[in-house]
N, C-alpha and C. Protein backbone atom coordinates (compact mmCIF):
# COMPACT_ATOMS: atom_id res chain seq x y z
N MET A 1 94.08 16.66 64.53
CA MET A 1 93.77 17.87 63.62
C MET A 1 93.85 17.72 62.02
N GLU A 2 93.38 18.37 61.32
CA GLU A 2 93.08 17.96 59.69
C GLU A 2 94.42 19.27 59.64
N ILE A 3 94.91 18.31 58.29
CA ILE A 3 95.95 19.59 57.67
C ILE A 3 95.65 19.51 56.00
N ARG A 4 95.22 20.53 55.70
CA ARG A 4 95.38 20.51 53.83
C ARG A 4 96.37 21.35 53.54
N ILE A 5 96.86 21.02 52.60
CA ILE A 5 98.00 21.55 51.69
C ILE A 5 98.07 21.57 50.49
N GLY A 6 97.62 22.50 49.77
CA GLY A 6 98.05 22.83 48.31
C GLY A 6 99.22 23.01 47.84
N ILE A 7 99.48 22.49 46.63
CA ILE A 7 101.01 22.59 45.65
C ILE A 7 100.75 23.28 44.76
N GLN A 8 101.38 24.39 44.18
CA GLN A 8 101.62 25.11 43.20
C GLN A 8 101.29 24.46 41.94
N HIS A 9 100.72 24.56 41.09
CA HIS A 9 100.48 23.85 40.02
C HIS A 9 100.07 22.74 39.98
N SER A 10 99.24 22.09 40.97
CA SER A 10 98.63 21.03 41.28
C SER A 10 97.12 21.20 41.62
N PRO A 11 96.22 20.51 40.64
CA PRO A 11 94.83 20.65 41.33
C PRO A 11 94.05 19.92 42.65
N ARG A 12 94.91 19.03 42.89
CA ARG A 12 94.60 18.47 44.11
C ARG A 12 95.57 18.86 45.36
N GLU A 13 95.04 18.75 46.82
CA GLU A 13 95.18 18.76 47.99
C GLU A 13 95.54 17.70 48.60
N ILE A 14 96.79 18.12 49.67
CA ILE A 14 97.11 16.85 50.09
C ILE A 14 96.25 17.16 51.55
N VAL A 15 95.62 15.96 51.96
CA VAL A 15 95.01 16.23 53.12
C VAL A 15 95.29 15.00 54.15
N ILE A 16 95.52 15.51 55.31
CA ILE A 16 96.18 14.35 56.52
C ILE A 16 95.57 14.54 57.81
N GLU A 17 95.25 13.68 58.71
CA GLU A 17 95.01 13.55 60.00
C GLU A 17 96.11 13.78 60.73
N SER A 18 96.57 14.48 61.62
CA SER A 18 97.74 14.20 62.29
C SER A 18 97.52 14.92 63.81
N GLU A 19 98.44 14.20 64.77
CA GLU A 19 98.18 14.41 66.14
C GLU A 19 99.44 15.50 66.44
N GLU A 20 100.13 16.25 65.43
CA GLU A 20 101.29 16.82 65.43
C GLU A 20 100.37 18.48 66.27
N LYS A 21 101.48 18.76 67.39
CA LYS A 21 101.23 20.18 68.06
C LYS A 21 100.93 21.34 66.71
N THR A 22 100.09 22.09 66.72
CA THR A 22 99.69 23.22 65.79
C THR A 22 101.00 24.24 65.54
N ASP A 23 101.38 24.80 66.69
CA ASP A 23 102.59 25.26 66.87
C ASP A 23 103.75 25.12 66.41
N GLU A 24 104.18 23.76 66.61
CA GLU A 24 105.30 23.08 66.02
C GLU A 24 104.98 23.22 64.38
N LEU A 25 104.00 22.83 64.13
CA LEU A 25 104.02 22.39 62.41
C LEU A 25 103.80 23.77 61.81
N LEU A 26 103.34 24.82 62.52
CA LEU A 26 103.13 26.27 61.55
C LEU A 26 104.78 26.66 61.76
N GLU A 27 105.50 26.24 62.25
CA GLU A 27 106.67 26.86 62.45
C GLU A 27 107.69 26.05 61.62
N ARG A 28 107.63 24.45 61.41
CA ARG A 28 107.92 23.89 60.49
C ARG A 28 108.07 24.52 59.16
N LEU A 29 106.56 24.55 58.80
CA LEU A 29 105.69 24.74 57.62
C LEU A 29 106.47 26.57 57.04
N GLY A 30 106.65 27.42 57.86
CA GLY A 30 107.05 28.72 57.64
C GLY A 30 108.10 28.45 57.34
N ALA A 31 109.43 27.54 57.92
CA ALA A 31 110.78 27.56 57.90
C ALA A 31 110.68 26.84 56.09
N ALA A 32 109.87 26.00 55.75
CA ALA A 32 110.24 25.44 54.98
C ALA A 32 109.88 26.21 53.58
N VAL A 33 109.12 27.22 53.85
CA VAL A 33 108.41 28.19 52.59
C VAL A 33 109.54 29.20 52.75
N ALA A 34 110.21 29.73 53.50
CA ALA A 34 111.23 30.52 53.33
C ALA A 34 112.37 30.12 53.17
N ASP A 35 113.00 29.08 53.44
CA ASP A 35 114.31 28.72 53.02
C ASP A 35 114.04 27.33 51.41
N GLY A 36 112.93 27.00 51.25
CA GLY A 36 112.63 26.09 50.08
C GLY A 36 112.66 24.65 50.06
N SER A 37 112.77 24.33 51.82
CA SER A 37 113.40 22.88 52.06
C SER A 37 111.86 22.03 52.29
N PRO A 38 112.17 21.13 51.95
CA PRO A 38 110.84 19.96 51.73
C PRO A 38 110.42 19.53 53.59
N VAL A 39 109.14 19.40 53.79
CA VAL A 39 108.78 19.46 54.88
C VAL A 39 107.98 17.72 55.49
N THR A 40 108.30 17.10 56.15
CA THR A 40 107.95 15.79 56.52
C THR A 40 106.52 15.71 57.29
N LEU A 41 105.71 15.23 57.11
CA LEU A 41 104.52 15.41 58.09
C LEU A 41 104.29 13.83 58.10
N VAL A 42 103.66 13.35 59.10
CA VAL A 42 103.28 11.61 59.39
C VAL A 42 101.86 11.99 60.00
N ASP A 43 100.75 11.12 59.69
CA ASP A 43 99.93 11.16 59.84
C ASP A 43 99.35 10.15 60.70
N ASP A 44 98.09 10.09 61.66
CA ASP A 44 97.52 9.26 62.42
C ASP A 44 98.08 7.61 62.28
N LYS A 45 98.13 7.35 61.45
CA LYS A 45 98.24 5.80 60.81
C LYS A 45 99.65 5.46 60.53
N GLY A 46 100.37 6.62 60.59
CA GLY A 46 102.19 6.40 60.48
C GLY A 46 102.74 6.60 59.31
N ARG A 47 101.81 6.84 57.99
CA ARG A 47 102.24 7.22 56.92
C ARG A 47 103.11 8.65 56.70
N THR A 48 103.85 8.33 55.78
CA THR A 48 104.81 9.79 55.73
C THR A 48 104.41 10.53 54.54
N VAL A 49 104.47 11.87 54.46
CA VAL A 49 104.26 12.82 53.17
C VAL A 49 105.12 13.69 53.38
N LEU A 50 106.15 13.81 52.29
CA LEU A 50 106.74 14.89 52.34
C LEU A 50 106.42 15.93 51.36
N VAL A 51 106.46 16.95 51.46
CA VAL A 51 106.17 18.26 51.21
C VAL A 51 106.76 19.45 50.70
N PRO A 52 107.35 19.29 49.49
CA PRO A 52 108.45 20.28 48.80
C PRO A 52 107.89 22.06 49.35
N GLY A 53 108.76 22.48 50.17
CA GLY A 53 108.62 23.80 50.56
C GLY A 53 108.59 24.90 49.63
N ALA A 54 109.25 24.62 48.56
CA ALA A 54 109.76 25.60 47.34
C ALA A 54 107.91 25.48 46.96
N LYS A 55 107.40 24.64 46.58
CA LYS A 55 106.13 24.74 46.08
C LYS A 55 104.89 24.41 46.57
N LEU A 56 104.72 24.63 48.00
CA LEU A 56 103.80 25.13 48.65
C LEU A 56 102.85 26.39 48.15
N ALA A 57 101.60 26.00 48.10
CA ALA A 57 101.21 27.13 47.61
C ALA A 57 99.87 27.67 49.17
N PHE A 58 99.87 26.64 49.83
CA PHE A 58 98.43 27.25 50.81
C PHE A 58 98.82 25.80 52.16
N ALA A 59 98.56 26.18 53.43
CA ALA A 59 98.45 25.36 54.09
C ALA A 59 97.07 25.59 55.51
N GLU A 60 96.51 24.98 55.30
CA GLU A 60 95.11 25.19 56.05
C GLU A 60 94.81 23.88 57.21
N ILE A 61 95.08 24.69 58.70
CA ILE A 61 95.18 23.70 60.03
C ILE A 61 94.01 23.63 60.15
N SER A 62 92.84 22.61 60.86
CA SER A 62 91.90 22.58 61.68
C SER A 62 92.04 21.99 62.87
N THR A 63 91.79 22.85 63.70
CA THR A 63 91.84 21.86 65.34
C THR A 63 90.51 22.04 65.74
N GLU A 64 89.05 22.03 64.80
CA GLU A 64 88.04 21.86 65.45
C GLU A 64 87.94 20.79 65.48
N GLU A 65 86.99 19.95 66.68
CA GLU A 65 86.42 19.05 66.55
C GLU A 65 85.05 18.74 65.49
N PRO A 66 84.81 17.88 65.12
CA PRO A 66 83.72 17.36 64.26
C PRO A 66 82.54 17.60 65.20
N ARG A 67 81.55 17.82 64.30
CA ARG A 67 80.03 17.94 64.97
C ARG A 67 79.77 16.50 65.76
N ARG A 68 78.85 16.42 66.70
CA ARG A 68 78.53 15.08 66.87
C ARG A 68 76.95 14.83 66.99
N VAL A 69 76.86 13.75 66.31
CA VAL A 69 75.43 13.51 66.19
C VAL A 69 74.88 12.71 67.22
N GLY A 70 73.57 13.14 67.85
CA GLY A 70 73.05 12.36 68.56
C GLY A 70 72.11 13.12 69.47
N PHE A 71 71.64 12.33 70.75
CA PHE A 71 70.93 13.11 71.49
C PHE A 71 71.40 12.74 73.05
N LEU A 72 71.29 14.04 73.57
CA LEU A 72 71.91 13.90 74.77
C LEU A 72 70.89 13.45 75.92
N GLY A 73 71.26 12.58 76.87
CA GLY A 73 69.98 12.14 77.53
C GLY A 73 70.26 12.41 78.77
C-alpha cells in the first residue's frame, strides 16, 4: 500500500510503500496524533521513517492496486 503523510509547515509529503496492515497503521497514527508521540514506519525496502505525531497534518493510505497495462488474451 502507498502511504502519504503531510507534516505541518512542510511543503513536501512523505511517501512510502509498505506492507503493513491498514488497521494497525491507522491505530498507530491515531494514537500518535492524540498523544504527540512519534510513529515509526518501515517501507518495502527496509528503510525506517520516524514521523513526529505532534506535527502530523494528514495521512492518506491507498490500498488500491495500480492499473495494469496490456491485453487479456
